[in-house]
Amino acid sequence: MRQKIVAGNWKMNCTIPDGIELIQDLIDTKQSTNNCQVVIAPPFMLLEKAGTLCKGKTMKIAAQNCAAWEKGAYTGEVSAAMIQSTGAEYVIIGHSERRSYFAESAEVLKSKVDITLNQSLLPIFCIGETLEEREEEEHFKVIKEQLEASLFHLSNKMIKKVVVAYEPVWAIGTGKTASTETAQEMHAYIRSLLTEKYNVETAESISILYGGSCKPGNAKELFSQKDIDGGLIGGASLTAQDFNAIINAI
């Protein structure tokens, strides 16, 4: 059975006191996890504290990004080894905001995937098409290229350590909505590409998360789909009540 995962990406939100309070609220609130791995991705300055607070708990920690180099004179960067030392176990790589705002290329993301895995961290690798790409009916082509360029060099053993997150960029902040059917269609397509590259057993073992404005109101319907194994949650992960409602929808 594939691992169900609900991961909360806090993005550039929460001061240290606010973050500690939110983590404690999540720990204190009973969650019906039902084979669901809960992951939170606070900002870098909260990772060590989050690791301490969650030690021995079922909730795991992720970094929102990592450097494309192991170490060295890269001012402002945070290496995978540094992340691993905080107690974090996951790293989000290739988020649409990193691709768009910071022009992260496929080669850079490939390097980040390799470095993350070399530090025994688990990548949550994000893929997705823009509104223009969707309207030009390039969405399947874009998804295939993103997987091929940054993930498909991995061995069968290593690809099983990767979590894939599908983000319909065109449905975030555009006023357009991705239907449950559209989300399932893309998840099934991603799994078919994994099957084609590797094999059925490998493809069926990889968790594919939905990252398109998943909220308490639509989580249950989304999570009921055959190929949607959980969510990468943005704004709704910033309150314990909403995040727990999504977790309990699994």
C-alpha atoms as a PDB file:
ATOM      1  CA  MET A   1       0.000   0.000   0.000  1.00  0.00           C
ATOM      2  CA  ARG A   2       1.303   3.438  -0.918  1.00  0.00           C
ATOM      3  CA  GLN A   3       2.074   5.854   1.904  1.00  0.00           C
ATOM      4  CA  LYS A   4      -0.591   8.517   2.324  1.00  0.00           C
ATOM      5  CA  ILE A   5       1.061  11.890   3.011  1.00  0.00           C
ATOM      6  CA  VAL A   6      -0.217  15.321   3.966  1.00  0.00           C
ATOM      7  CA  ALA A   7       2.592  17.887   3.893  1.00  0.00           C
ATOM      8  CA  GLY A   8       2.189  21.493   4.994  1.00  0.00           C
ATOM      9  CA  ASN A   9       4.371  24.038   3.195  1.00  0.00           C
ATOM     10  CA  TRP A  10       4.451  27.155   5.360  1.00  0.00           C
ATOM     11  CA  LYS A  11       6.359  29.142   2.712  1.00  0.00           C
ATOM     12  CA  MET A  12       7.603  32.545   3.992  1.00  0.00           C
ATOM     13  CA  ASN A  13       5.261  32.683   6.965  1.00  0.00           C
ATOM     14  CA  CYS A  14       5.612  32.485  10.764  1.00  0.00           C
ATOM     15  CA  THR A  15       8.150  34.074  13.056  1.00  0.00           C
ATOM     16  CA  ILE A  16       9.902  31.757  15.513  1.00  0.00           C
ATOM     17  CA  PRO A  17       7.314  32.329  18.302  1.00  0.00           C
ATOM     18  CA  ASP A  18       4.405  31.917  15.863  1.00  0.00           C
ATOM     19  CA  GLY A  19       5.923  28.773  14.400  1.00  0.00           C
ATOM     20  CA  ILE A  20       6.533  27.179  17.785  1.00  0.00           C
ATOM     21  CA  GLU A  21       2.929  27.896  18.766  1.00  0.00           C
ATOM     22  CA  LEU A  22       1.606  26.332  15.550  1.00  0.00           C
ATOM     23  CA  ILE A  23       3.765  23.225  15.941  1.00  0.00           C
ATOM     24  CA  GLN A  24       2.607  22.816  19.513  1.00  0.00           C
ATOM     25  CA  ASP A  25      -1.029  23.239  18.447  1.00  0.00           C
ATOM     26  CA  LEU A  26      -0.565  20.484  15.860  1.00  0.00           C
ATOM     27  CA  ILE A  27       1.102  18.170  18.379  1.00  0.00           C
ATOM     28  CA  ASP A  28      -1.618  18.796  20.962  1.00  0.00           C
ATOM     29  CA  THR A  29      -4.482  18.197  18.534  1.00  0.00           C
ATOM     30  CA  LYS A  30      -5.525  14.584  18.093  1.00  0.00           C
ATOM     31  CA  GLN A  31      -5.222  13.509  14.475  1.00  0.00           C
ATOM     32  CA  SER A  32      -6.785  10.438  12.909  1.00  0.00           C
ATOM     33  CA  THR A  33      -3.831   9.654  10.677  1.00  0.00           C
ATOM     34  CA  ASN A  34      -5.142   6.396   9.106  1.00  0.00           C
ATOM     35  CA  ASN A  35      -1.818   5.381   7.570  1.00  0.00           C
ATOM     36  CA  CYS A  36      -1.159   9.049   6.773  1.00  0.00           C
ATOM     37  CA  GLN A  37       2.314  10.516   7.265  1.00  0.00           C
ATOM     38  CA  VAL A  38       2.039  14.140   8.415  1.00  0.00           C
ATOM     39  CA  VAL A  39       4.882  16.445   7.354  1.00  0.00           C
ATOM     40  CA  ILE A  40       5.402  20.158   8.015  1.00  0.00           C
ATOM     41  CA  ALA A  41       7.834  22.411   6.163  1.00  0.00           C
ATOM     42  CA  PRO A  42       8.529  25.526   8.244  1.00  0.00           C
ATOM     43  CA  PRO A  43      11.079  28.213   7.252  1.00  0.00           C
ATOM     44  CA  PHE A  44      14.760  27.353   7.690  1.00  0.00           C
ATOM     45  CA  MET A  45      15.210  29.212  10.989  1.00  0.00           C
ATOM     46  CA  LEU A  46      12.530  26.985  12.564  1.00  0.00           C
ATOM     47  CA  LEU A  47      13.836  23.621  11.375  1.00  0.00           C
ATOM     48  CA  GLU A  48      16.004  22.810  14.387  1.00  0.00           C
ATOM     49  CA  LYS A  49      13.299  23.793  16.884  1.00  0.00           C
ATOM     50  CA  ALA A  50      10.715  21.857  14.885  1.00  0.00           C
ATOM     51  CA  GLY A  51      12.999  18.839  14.907  1.00  0.00           C
ATOM     52  CA  THR A  52      13.327  19.052  18.689  1.00  0.00           C
ATOM     53  CA  LEU A  53       9.589  19.496  19.279  1.00  0.00           C
ATOM     54  CA  CYS A  54       8.665  16.640  16.946  1.00  0.00           C
ATOM     55  CA  LYS A  55      11.329  14.185  18.093  1.00  0.00           C
ATOM     56  CA  GLY A  56       9.590  10.958  19.013  1.00  0.00           C
ATOM     57  CA  LYS A  57       6.322  12.175  17.486  1.00  0.00           C
ATOM     58  CA  THR A  58       4.624  10.900  14.355  1.00  0.00           C
ATOM     59  CA  MET A  59       4.865  14.277  12.597  1.00  0.00           C
ATOM     60  CA  LYS A  60       7.932  14.661  10.358  1.00  0.00           C
ATOM     61  CA  ILE A  61       9.844  17.770   9.255  1.00  0.00           C
ATOM     62  CA  ALA A  62      10.733  19.007   5.772  1.00  0.00           C
ATOM     63  CA  ALA A  63      12.844  21.860   4.483  1.00  0.00           C
ATOM     64  CA  GLN A  64      11.305  24.031   1.772  1.00  0.00           C
ATOM     65  CA  ASN A  65      14.445  24.013  -0.368  1.00  0.00           C
ATOM     66  CA  CYS A  66      18.120  23.097  -0.318  1.00  0.00           C
ATOM     67  CA  ALA A  67      21.317  24.160  -2.064  1.00  0.00           C
ATOM     68  CA  ALA A  68      22.443  22.545  -5.300  1.00  0.00           C
ATOM     69  CA  TRP A  69      25.953  22.134  -3.838  1.00  0.00           C
ATOM     70  CA  GLU A  70      27.208  20.016  -0.967  1.00  0.00           C
ATOM     71  CA  LYS A  71      29.117  22.849   0.774  1.00  0.00           C
ATOM     72  CA  GLY A  72      31.355  25.822   0.084  1.00  0.00           C
ATOM     73  CA  ALA A  73      31.368  29.562  -0.598  1.00  0.00           C
ATOM     74  CA  TYR A  74      27.681  29.973  -1.423  1.00  0.00           C
ATOM     75  CA  THR A  75      26.520  32.824   0.794  1.00  0.00           C
ATOM     76  CA  GLY A  76      22.950  32.495   1.974  1.00  0.00           C
ATOM     77  CA  GLU A  77      22.525  28.877   0.873  1.00  0.00           C
ATOM     78  CA  VAL A  78      21.581  25.948   3.125  1.00  0.00           C
ATOM     79  CA  SER A  79      23.017  22.532   2.343  1.00  0.00           C
ATOM     80  CA  ALA A  80      21.294  19.157   2.547  1.00  0.00           C
ATOM     81  CA  ALA A  81      23.771  18.123   5.262  1.00  0.00           C
ATOM     82  CA  MET A  82      22.772  21.170   7.339  1.00  0.00           C
ATOM     83  CA  ILE A  83      19.114  20.267   6.880  1.00  0.00           C
ATOM     84  CA  GLN A  84      19.726  16.658   7.855  1.00  0.00           C
ATOM     85  CA  SER A  85      21.464  17.794  11.055  1.00  0.00           C
ATOM     86  CA  THR A  86      18.284  19.548  12.255  1.00  0.00           C
ATOM     87  CA  GLY A  87      16.318  16.291  12.326  1.00  0.00           C
ATOM     88  CA  ALA A  88      14.388  17.044   9.143  1.00  0.00           C
ATOM     89  CA  GLU A  89      13.683  14.036   6.918  1.00  0.00           C
ATOM     90  CA  TYR A  90      12.202  15.589   3.757  1.00  0.00           C
ATOM     91  CA  VAL A  91      13.092  18.395   1.345  1.00  0.00           C
ATOM     92  CA  ILE A  92      10.686  20.105  -1.058  1.00  0.00           C
ATOM     93  CA  ILE A  93      12.392  20.471  -4.446  1.00  0.00           C
ATOM     94  CA  GLY A  94      11.173  22.164  -7.632  1.00  0.00           C
ATOM     95  CA  HIS A  95       8.203  24.036  -6.186  1.00  0.00           C
ATOM     96  CA  SER A  96       6.580  26.228  -8.834  1.00  0.00           C
ATOM     97  CA  GLU A  97       7.588  29.342  -6.888  1.00  0.00           C
ATOM     98  CA  ARG A  98      11.231  28.277  -6.945  1.00  0.00           C
ATOM     99  CA  ARG A  99      11.038  27.529 -10.670  1.00  0.00           C
ATOM    100  CA  SER A 100       9.311  30.845 -11.407  1.00  0.00           C
ATOM    101  CA  TYR A 101      10.778  33.409  -8.990  1.00  0.00           C
ATOM    102  CA  PHE A 102      14.293  31.954  -8.772  1.00  0.00           C
ATOM    103  CA  ALA A 103      14.605  30.505 -12.290  1.00  0.00           C
ATOM    104  CA  GLU A 104      15.652  27.073 -11.054  1.00  0.00           C
ATOM    105  CA  SER A 105      16.498  24.950 -14.084  1.00  0.00           C
ATOM    106  CA  ALA A 106      15.988  21.239 -14.607  1.00  0.00           C
ATOM    107  CA  GLU A 107      19.732  20.668 -14.149  1.00  0.00           C
ATOM    108  CA  VAL A 108      19.761  22.561 -10.840  1.00  0.00           C
ATOM    109  CA  LEU A 109      16.783  20.534  -9.618  1.00  0.00           C
ATOM    110  CA  LYS A 110      18.445  17.294 -10.711  1.00  0.00           C
ATOM    111  CA  SER A 111      21.503  18.223  -8.629  1.00  0.00           C
ATOM    112  CA  LYS A 112      19.288  19.009  -5.635  1.00  0.00           C
ATOM    113  CA  VAL A 113      17.541  15.654  -5.925  1.00  0.00           C
ATOM    114  CA  ASP A 114      20.867  13.798  -5.978  1.00  0.00           C
ATOM    115  CA  ILE A 115      22.355  15.736  -3.072  1.00  0.00           C
ATOM    116  CA  THR A 116      19.203  15.300  -1.008  1.00  0.00           C
ATOM    117  CA  LEU A 117      19.157  11.548  -1.544  1.00  0.00           C
ATOM    118  CA  ASN A 118      22.888  11.324  -0.787  1.00  0.00           C
ATOM    119  CA  GLN A 119      22.139  12.799   2.640  1.00  0.00           C
ATOM    120  CA  SER A 120      19.416  10.187   3.243  1.00  0.00           C
ATOM    121  CA  LEU A 121      16.726  12.854   2.939  1.00  0.00           C
ATOM    122  CA  LEU A 122      13.513  12.240   0.998  1.00  0.00           C
ATOM    123  CA  PRO A 123      12.688  14.649  -1.849  1.00  0.00           C
ATOM    124  CA  ILE A 124       9.155  15.925  -2.341  1.00  0.00           C
ATOM    125  CA  PHE A 125       9.573  16.764  -6.013  1.00  0.00           C
ATOM    126  CA  CYS A 126       7.104  19.243  -7.499  1.00  0.00           C
ATOM    127  CA  ILE A 127       5.950  19.319 -11.107  1.00  0.00           C
ATOM    128  CA  GLY A 128       3.183  21.203 -12.878  1.00  0.00           C
ATOM    129  CA  GLU A 129       2.143  23.283 -15.843  1.00  0.00           C
ATOM    130  CA  THR A 130       1.320  26.994 -16.122  1.00  0.00           C
ATOM    131  CA  LEU A 131      -1.936  28.497 -17.383  1.00  0.00           C
ATOM    132  CA  GLU A 132      -0.385  29.222 -20.779  1.00  0.00           C
ATOM    133  CA  GLU A 133       0.882  25.651 -21.076  1.00  0.00           C
ATOM    134  CA  ARG A 134      -2.529  24.265 -20.117  1.00  0.00           C
ATOM    135  CA  GLU A 135      -4.384  26.505 -22.591  1.00  0.00           C
ATOM    136  CA  GLU A 136      -1.975  25.488 -25.371  1.00  0.00           C
ATOM    137  CA  GLU A 137      -2.613  21.834 -24.457  1.00  0.00           C
ATOM    138  CA  GLU A 138       1.038  21.337 -23.616  1.00  0.00           C
ATOM    139  CA  HIS A 139       0.379  20.061 -20.086  1.00  0.00           C
ATOM    140  CA  PHE A 140       1.155  16.379 -20.688  1.00  0.00           C
ATOM    141  CA  LYS A 141       4.333  17.278 -22.568  1.00  0.00           C
ATOM    142  CA  VAL A 142       5.489  19.639 -19.800  1.00  0.00           C
ATOM    143  CA  ILE A 143       4.943  17.073 -17.048  1.00  0.00           C
ATOM    144  CA  LYS A 144       6.822  14.404 -18.982  1.00  0.00           C
ATOM    145  CA  GLU A 145       9.758  16.736 -19.654  1.00  0.00           C
ATOM    146  CA  GLN A 146       9.983  17.798 -16.005  1.00  0.00           C
ATOM    147  CA  LEU A 147      10.123  14.185 -14.838  1.00  0.00           C
ATOM    148  CA  GLU A 148      12.589  13.119 -17.498  1.00  0.00           C
ATOM    149  CA  ALA A 149      14.929  16.063 -16.923  1.00  0.00           C
ATOM    150  CA  SER A 150      15.253  15.892 -13.138  1.00  0.00           C
ATOM    151  CA  LEU A 151      14.134  12.462 -11.906  1.00  0.00           C
ATOM    152  CA  PHE A 152      14.399   9.787 -14.570  1.00  0.00           C
ATOM    153  CA  HIS A 153      18.162   9.428 -14.204  1.00  0.00           C
ATOM    154  CA  LEU A 154      17.528   7.747 -10.854  1.00  0.00           C
ATOM    155  CA  SER A 155      17.767   4.001 -10.401  1.00  0.00           C
ATOM    156  CA  ASN A 156      14.711   1.916  -9.623  1.00  0.00           C
ATOM    157  CA  LYS A 157      15.834   1.750  -5.991  1.00  0.00           C
ATOM    158  CA  MET A 158      16.317   5.507  -5.620  1.00  0.00           C
ATOM    159  CA  ILE A 159      13.143   6.658  -7.412  1.00  0.00           C
ATOM    160  CA  LYS A 160      11.148   4.760  -4.774  1.00  0.00           C
ATOM    161  CA  LYS A 161      12.478   7.224  -2.178  1.00  0.00           C
ATOM    162  CA  VAL A 162      10.966  10.209  -4.033  1.00  0.00           C
ATOM    163  CA  VAL A 163       7.534  11.699  -3.356  1.00  0.00           C
ATOM    164  CA  VAL A 164       6.032  13.454  -6.383  1.00  0.00           C
ATOM    165  CA  ALA A 165       3.753  16.484  -5.945  1.00  0.00           C
ATOM    166  CA  TYR A 166       1.596  17.693  -8.841  1.00  0.00           C
ATOM    167  CA  GLU A 167       0.883  21.444  -8.800  1.00  0.00           C
ATOM    168  CA  PRO A 168      -1.525  22.796 -11.419  1.00  0.00           C
ATOM    169  CA  VAL A 169       0.105  26.244 -11.405  1.00  0.00           C
ATOM    170  CA  TRP A 170      -2.712  27.532 -13.620  1.00  0.00           C
ATOM    171  CA  ALA A 171      -5.263  26.884 -10.869  1.00  0.00           C
ATOM    172  CA  ILE A 172      -3.433  28.792  -8.133  1.00  0.00           C
ATOM    173  CA  GLY A 173      -4.341  32.466  -7.817  1.00  0.00           C
ATOM    174  CA  THR A 174      -5.872  32.648 -11.312  1.00  0.00           C
ATOM    175  CA  GLY A 175      -9.549  32.305 -10.488  1.00  0.00           C
ATOM    176  CA  LYS A 176      -9.644  29.030 -12.438  1.00  0.00           C
ATOM    177  CA  THR A 177     -10.382  25.760 -10.708  1.00  0.00           C
ATOM    178  CA  ALA A 178      -8.875  22.334 -11.218  1.00  0.00           C
ATOM    179  CA  SER A 179     -11.671  19.774 -10.962  1.00  0.00           C
ATOM    180  CA  THR A 180     -11.229  16.516  -9.093  1.00  0.00           C
ATOM    181  CA  GLU A 181     -11.404  14.721 -12.448  1.00  0.00           C
ATOM    182  CA  THR A 182      -8.621  16.901 -13.870  1.00  0.00           C
ATOM    183  CA  ALA A 183      -6.435  16.270 -10.830  1.00  0.00           C
ATOM    184  CA  GLN A 184      -6.972  12.502 -11.027  1.00  0.00           C
ATOM    185  CA  GLU A 185      -6.274  12.515 -14.775  1.00  0.00           C
ATOM    186  CA  MET A 186      -2.880  14.134 -14.246  1.00  0.00           C
ATOM    187  CA  HIS A 187      -1.975  11.898 -11.320  1.00  0.00           C
ATOM    188  CA  ALA A 188      -2.844   8.828 -13.383  1.00  0.00           C
ATOM    189  CA  TYR A 189      -0.726  10.181 -16.242  1.00  0.00           C
ATOM    190  CA  ILE A 190       2.241  10.735 -13.915  1.00  0.00           C
ATOM    191  CA  ARG A 191       1.928   7.178 -12.642  1.00  0.00           C
ATOM    192  CA  SER A 192       1.775   5.889 -16.215  1.00  0.00           C
ATOM    193  CA  LEU A 193       5.059   7.671 -16.978  1.00  0.00           C
ATOM    194  CA  LEU A 194       6.648   6.092 -13.907  1.00  0.00           C
ATOM    195  CA  THR A 195       5.379   2.693 -15.052  1.00  0.00           C
ATOM    196  CA  GLU A 196       6.769   3.228 -18.540  1.00  0.00           C
ATOM    197  CA  LYS A 197      10.178   4.287 -17.236  1.00  0.00           C
ATOM    198  CA  TYR A 198      10.472   1.757 -14.406  1.00  0.00           C
ATOM    199  CA  ASN A 199       7.758  -0.861 -13.841  1.00  0.00           C
ATOM    200  CA  VAL A 200       4.264  -1.279 -12.415  1.00  0.00           C
ATOM    201  CA  GLU A 201       5.468  -2.296  -8.943  1.00  0.00           C
ATOM    202  CA  THR A 202       7.687   0.766  -8.648  1.00  0.00           C
ATOM    203  CA  ALA A 203       5.049   3.161  -9.991  1.00  0.00           C
ATOM    204  CA  GLU A 204       2.445   1.783  -7.614  1.00  0.00           C
ATOM    205  CA  SER A 205       4.787   2.294  -4.638  1.00  0.00           C
ATOM    206  CA  ILE A 206       5.400   6.027  -5.241  1.00  0.00           C
ATOM    207  CA  SER A 207       3.185   8.563  -3.465  1.00  0.00           C
ATOM    208  CA  ILE A 208       1.847  11.342  -5.696  1.00  0.00           C
ATOM    209  CA  LEU A 209       0.472  14.369  -3.843  1.00  0.00           C
ATOM    210  CA  TYR A 210      -1.885  17.059  -5.086  1.00  0.00           C
ATOM    211  CA  GLY A 211      -0.716  20.640  -4.620  1.00  0.00           C
ATOM    212  CA  GLY A 212      -3.512  22.706  -6.153  1.00  0.00           C
ATOM    213  CA  SER A 213      -5.213  24.665  -3.379  1.00  0.00           C
ATOM    214  CA  CYS A 214      -6.326  21.649  -1.376  1.00  0.00           C
ATOM    215  CA  LYS A 215      -8.550  22.794   1.505  1.00  0.00           C
ATOM    216  CA  PRO A 216     -10.837  21.251   4.134  1.00  0.00           C
ATOM    217  CA  GLY A 217     -13.796  21.646   1.791  1.00  0.00           C
ATOM    218  CA  ASN A 218     -12.370  19.661  -1.126  1.00  0.00           C
ATOM    219  CA  ALA A 219      -9.798  17.386   0.523  1.00  0.00           C
ATOM    220  CA  LYS A 220     -12.038  14.350   1.040  1.00  0.00           C
ATOM    221  CA  GLU A 221     -13.172  14.270  -2.599  1.00  0.00           C
ATOM    222  CA  LEU A 222      -9.609  14.712  -3.870  1.00  0.00           C
ATOM    223  CA  PHE A 223      -8.155  12.072  -1.560  1.00  0.00           C
ATOM    224  CA  SER A 224     -10.802   9.551  -2.622  1.00  0.00           C
ATOM    225  CA  GLN A 225      -9.295   9.412  -6.117  1.00  0.00           C
ATOM    226  CA  LYS A 226      -7.329   6.304  -7.065  1.00  0.00           C
ATOM    227  CA  ASP A 227      -4.013   8.012  -7.813  1.00  0.00           C
ATOM    228  CA  ILE A 228      -4.090  10.946  -5.362  1.00  0.00           C
ATOM    229  CA  ASP A 229      -2.141   9.896  -2.286  1.00  0.00           C
ATOM    230  CA  GLY A 230      -2.427  13.081  -0.229  1.00  0.00           C
ATOM    231  CA  GLY A 231      -1.643  16.742  -0.541  1.00  0.00           C
ATOM    232  CA  LEU A 232       1.060  19.386  -0.469  1.00  0.00           C
ATOM    233  CA  ILE A 233      -0.812  22.073   1.409  1.00  0.00           C
ATOM    234  CA  GLY A 234      -0.045  25.797   1.346  1.00  0.00           C
ATOM    235  CA  GLY A 235      -2.180  28.385   3.122  1.00  0.00           C
ATOM    236  CA  ALA A 236      -4.452  25.861   4.815  1.00  0.00           C
ATOM    237  CA  SER A 237      -1.438  24.439   6.690  1.00  0.00           C
ATOM    238  CA  LEU A 238      -0.993  27.690   8.639  1.00  0.00           C
ATOM    239  CA  THR A 239      -3.813  26.955  11.094  1.00  0.00           C
ATOM    240  CA  ALA A 240      -3.985  23.757  13.116  1.00  0.00           C
ATOM    241  CA  GLN A 241      -7.756  23.504  12.635  1.00  0.00           C
ATOM    242  CA  ASP A 242      -7.662  23.592   8.831  1.00  0.00           C
ATOM    243  CA  PHE A 243      -4.562  21.414   8.534  1.00  0.00           C
ATOM    244  CA  ASN A 244      -5.986  18.771  10.862  1.00  0.00           C
ATOM    245  CA  ALA A 245      -9.259  18.798   8.917  1.00  0.00           C
ATOM    246  CA  ILE A 246      -7.305  17.986   5.753  1.00  0.00           C
ATOM    247  CA  ILE A 247      -5.313  15.258   7.517  1.00  0.00           C
ATOM    248  CA  ASN A 248      -8.515  13.702   8.817  1.00  0.00           C
ATOM    249  CA  ALA A 249      -9.970  13.694   5.287  1.00  0.00           C
ATOM    250  CA  ILE A 250      -7.546  10.908   4.273  1.00  0.00           C
END
